[in-house]
Amino acid sequence: MDSTGVVKSVAANIARVHYLPDGSGDYGLLIEPAATNVCLQSEDTATTWTNTGVAFSSSVLAPDNNYTADELKVDASTGNHWIEQAYTGSTTNNFCASVF
């Protein structure tokens, strides 16, 4: 995030400053390990994702300040509601999930 709280892209090998969420200052230099997004088409939930009991609204404001996010809403059905994507890669690595 930049000093105004907007998620920004930065080119590879460029130092980044990690700002406080309220824009009042910074945490310092942002140090991150290499990572790979293993979710296919993570910005397009209408493709390789399976959903049950949910509907999507597109063109919602995303963290990068563009109207490209999908809003997930549960429908009126009873029972469980979820969204998932099959993963067939390595299961020996550590994984982390995040949703904005």
C-alpha atoms as a PDB file:
ATOM      1  CA  MET A   1       0.000   0.000   0.000  1.00  0.00           C
ATOM      2  CA  ASP A   2       1.125   3.527  -0.640  1.00  0.00           C
ATOM      3  CA  SER A   3       0.858   6.391   1.860  1.00  0.00           C
ATOM      4  CA  THR A   4      -2.821   6.926   0.903  1.00  0.00           C
ATOM      5  CA  GLY A   5      -3.809   3.279   1.575  1.00  0.00           C
ATOM      6  CA  VAL A   6      -4.085   2.242  -2.091  1.00  0.00           C
ATOM      7  CA  VAL A   7      -2.532  -1.060  -3.214  1.00  0.00           C
ATOM      8  CA  LYS A   8       0.059  -0.307  -5.899  1.00  0.00           C
ATOM      9  CA  SER A   9       2.181  -2.465  -8.174  1.00  0.00           C
ATOM     10  CA  VAL A  10       5.934  -2.024  -8.060  1.00  0.00           C
ATOM     11  CA  ALA A  11       8.464  -3.368 -10.548  1.00  0.00           C
ATOM     12  CA  ALA A  12      10.690  -6.260  -9.508  1.00  0.00           C
ATOM     13  CA  ASN A  13      13.828  -5.409  -7.518  1.00  0.00           C
ATOM     14  CA  ILE A  14      12.541  -1.980  -6.451  1.00  0.00           C
ATOM     15  CA  ALA A  15      12.640  -1.213  -2.719  1.00  0.00           C
ATOM     16  CA  ARG A  16       9.200  -0.595  -1.227  1.00  0.00           C
ATOM     17  CA  VAL A  17       8.130   1.182   1.933  1.00  0.00           C
ATOM     18  CA  HIS A  18       5.347  -0.397   3.989  1.00  0.00           C
ATOM     19  CA  TYR A  19       2.990   2.352   5.205  1.00  0.00           C
ATOM     20  CA  LEU A  20       0.712   2.310   8.242  1.00  0.00           C
ATOM     21  CA  PRO A  21      -2.930   1.643   7.256  1.00  0.00           C
ATOM     22  CA  ASP A  22      -4.063   5.093   8.412  1.00  0.00           C
ATOM     23  CA  GLY A  23      -1.331   6.873   6.396  1.00  0.00           C
ATOM     24  CA  SER A  24       0.234   8.409   9.516  1.00  0.00           C
ATOM     25  CA  GLY A  25       3.709   7.033   8.858  1.00  0.00           C
ATOM     26  CA  ASP A  26       5.546   3.951   7.707  1.00  0.00           C
ATOM     27  CA  TYR A  27       6.756   0.639   9.098  1.00  0.00           C
ATOM     28  CA  GLY A  28       9.958   0.860   7.066  1.00  0.00           C
ATOM     29  CA  LEU A  29      11.314  -1.195   4.200  1.00  0.00           C
ATOM     30  CA  LEU A  30       9.007  -4.020   3.102  1.00  0.00           C
ATOM     31  CA  ILE A  31      10.866  -7.341   2.937  1.00  0.00           C
ATOM     32  CA  GLU A  32       8.980 -10.245   1.349  1.00  0.00           C
ATOM     33  CA  PRO A  33      10.021 -13.731   0.252  1.00  0.00           C
ATOM     34  CA  ALA A  34       9.320 -14.959  -3.258  1.00  0.00           C
ATOM     35  CA  ALA A  35       5.798 -16.338  -3.673  1.00  0.00           C
ATOM     36  CA  THR A  36       3.596 -17.823  -6.368  1.00  0.00           C
ATOM     37  CA  ASN A  37      -0.163 -17.499  -6.699  1.00  0.00           C
ATOM     38  CA  VAL A  38      -1.339 -21.102  -7.200  1.00  0.00           C
ATOM     39  CA  CYS A  39      -4.989 -20.173  -7.672  1.00  0.00           C
ATOM     40  CA  LEU A  40      -5.753 -20.148 -11.376  1.00  0.00           C
ATOM     41  CA  GLN A  41      -7.487 -17.016 -12.609  1.00  0.00           C
ATOM     42  CA  SER A  42      -7.740 -15.615  -9.092  1.00  0.00           C
ATOM     43  CA  GLU A  43      -9.192 -12.373 -10.452  1.00  0.00           C
ATOM     44  CA  ASP A  44     -11.930 -14.106 -12.455  1.00  0.00           C
ATOM     45  CA  THR A  45     -14.164 -16.216 -10.209  1.00  0.00           C
ATOM     46  CA  ALA A  46     -16.522 -17.054 -13.097  1.00  0.00           C
ATOM     47  CA  THR A  47     -13.992 -19.401 -14.729  1.00  0.00           C
ATOM     48  CA  THR A  48     -12.146 -22.181 -12.878  1.00  0.00           C
ATOM     49  CA  TRP A  49     -13.908 -21.674  -9.538  1.00  0.00           C
ATOM     50  CA  THR A  50     -16.842 -23.714  -8.240  1.00  0.00           C
ATOM     51  CA  ASN A  51     -19.386 -21.983  -6.035  1.00  0.00           C
ATOM     52  CA  THR A  52     -22.388 -23.164  -4.097  1.00  0.00           C
ATOM     53  CA  GLY A  53     -25.013 -20.872  -2.680  1.00  0.00           C
ATOM     54  CA  VAL A  54     -23.256 -17.663  -3.715  1.00  0.00           C
ATOM     55  CA  ALA A  55     -23.575 -15.069  -6.464  1.00  0.00           C
ATOM     56  CA  PHE A  56     -21.095 -12.506  -7.739  1.00  0.00           C
ATOM     57  CA  SER A  57     -21.378  -8.856  -8.597  1.00  0.00           C
ATOM     58  CA  SER A  58     -18.514  -7.620 -10.759  1.00  0.00           C
ATOM     59  CA  SER A  59     -17.049  -4.146 -11.227  1.00  0.00           C
ATOM     60  CA  VAL A  60     -16.668  -3.467  -7.513  1.00  0.00           C
ATOM     61  CA  LEU A  61     -13.810  -1.242  -6.265  1.00  0.00           C
ATOM     62  CA  ALA A  62     -10.661  -3.361  -5.824  1.00  0.00           C
ATOM     63  CA  PRO A  63      -7.665  -2.722  -3.516  1.00  0.00           C
ATOM     64  CA  ASP A  64      -5.722  -1.269  -6.475  1.00  0.00           C
ATOM     65  CA  ASN A  65      -8.421   1.453  -6.793  1.00  0.00           C
ATOM     66  CA  ASN A  66      -9.866   0.026 -10.030  1.00  0.00           C
ATOM     67  CA  TYR A  67     -13.398  -1.318 -10.481  1.00  0.00           C
ATOM     68  CA  THR A  68     -12.333  -4.893 -11.233  1.00  0.00           C
ATOM     69  CA  ALA A  69     -13.174  -6.768  -8.009  1.00  0.00           C
ATOM     70  CA  ASP A  70     -15.930  -9.353  -7.639  1.00  0.00           C
ATOM     71  CA  GLU A  71     -18.293  -9.023  -4.699  1.00  0.00           C
ATOM     72  CA  LEU A  72     -19.383 -12.366  -3.267  1.00  0.00           C
ATOM     73  CA  LYS A  73     -22.912 -12.520  -1.829  1.00  0.00           C
ATOM     74  CA  VAL A  74     -24.673 -15.515  -0.335  1.00  0.00           C
ATOM     75  CA  ASP A  75     -27.959 -16.356  -2.007  1.00  0.00           C
ATOM     76  CA  ALA A  76     -31.284 -17.163  -0.340  1.00  0.00           C
ATOM     77  CA  SER A  77     -30.748 -20.928  -0.349  1.00  0.00           C
ATOM     78  CA  THR A  78     -30.431 -22.857   2.891  1.00  0.00           C
ATOM     79  CA  GLY A  79     -27.396 -24.943   3.778  1.00  0.00           C
ATOM     80  CA  ASN A  80     -23.710 -24.261   3.259  1.00  0.00           C
ATOM     81  CA  HIS A  81     -22.361 -21.512   1.006  1.00  0.00           C
ATOM     82  CA  TRP A  82     -18.826 -21.607  -0.375  1.00  0.00           C
ATOM     83  CA  ILE A  83     -16.418 -21.016  -3.242  1.00  0.00           C
ATOM     84  CA  GLU A  84     -13.538 -23.318  -4.071  1.00  0.00           C
ATOM     85  CA  GLN A  85     -10.974 -24.257  -6.665  1.00  0.00           C
ATOM     86  CA  ALA A  86      -9.329 -27.649  -7.071  1.00  0.00           C
ATOM     87  CA  TYR A  87      -5.580 -27.689  -6.471  1.00  0.00           C
ATOM     88  CA  THR A  88      -3.418 -30.518  -7.827  1.00  0.00           C
ATOM     89  CA  GLY A  89       0.096 -29.290  -6.964  1.00  0.00           C
ATOM     90  CA  SER A  90       2.439 -30.102  -4.106  1.00  0.00           C
ATOM     91  CA  THR A  91       0.897 -30.634  -0.691  1.00  0.00           C
ATOM     92  CA  THR A  92       4.229 -30.597   1.167  1.00  0.00           C
ATOM     93  CA  ASN A  93       4.653 -26.820   1.073  1.00  0.00           C
ATOM     94  CA  ASN A  94       3.220 -24.251   3.454  1.00  0.00           C
ATOM     95  CA  PHE A  95       0.289 -22.278   2.071  1.00  0.00           C
ATOM     96  CA  CYS A  96      -1.295 -18.986   2.982  1.00  0.00           C
ATOM     97  CA  ALA A  97      -4.618 -17.628   1.758  1.00  0.00           C
ATOM     98  CA  SER A  98      -5.687 -14.016   1.674  1.00  0.00           C
ATOM     99  CA  VAL A  99      -8.777 -12.262   0.438  1.00  0.00           C
ATOM    100  CA  PHE A 100      -9.214  -8.552  -0.148  1.00  0.00           C
END
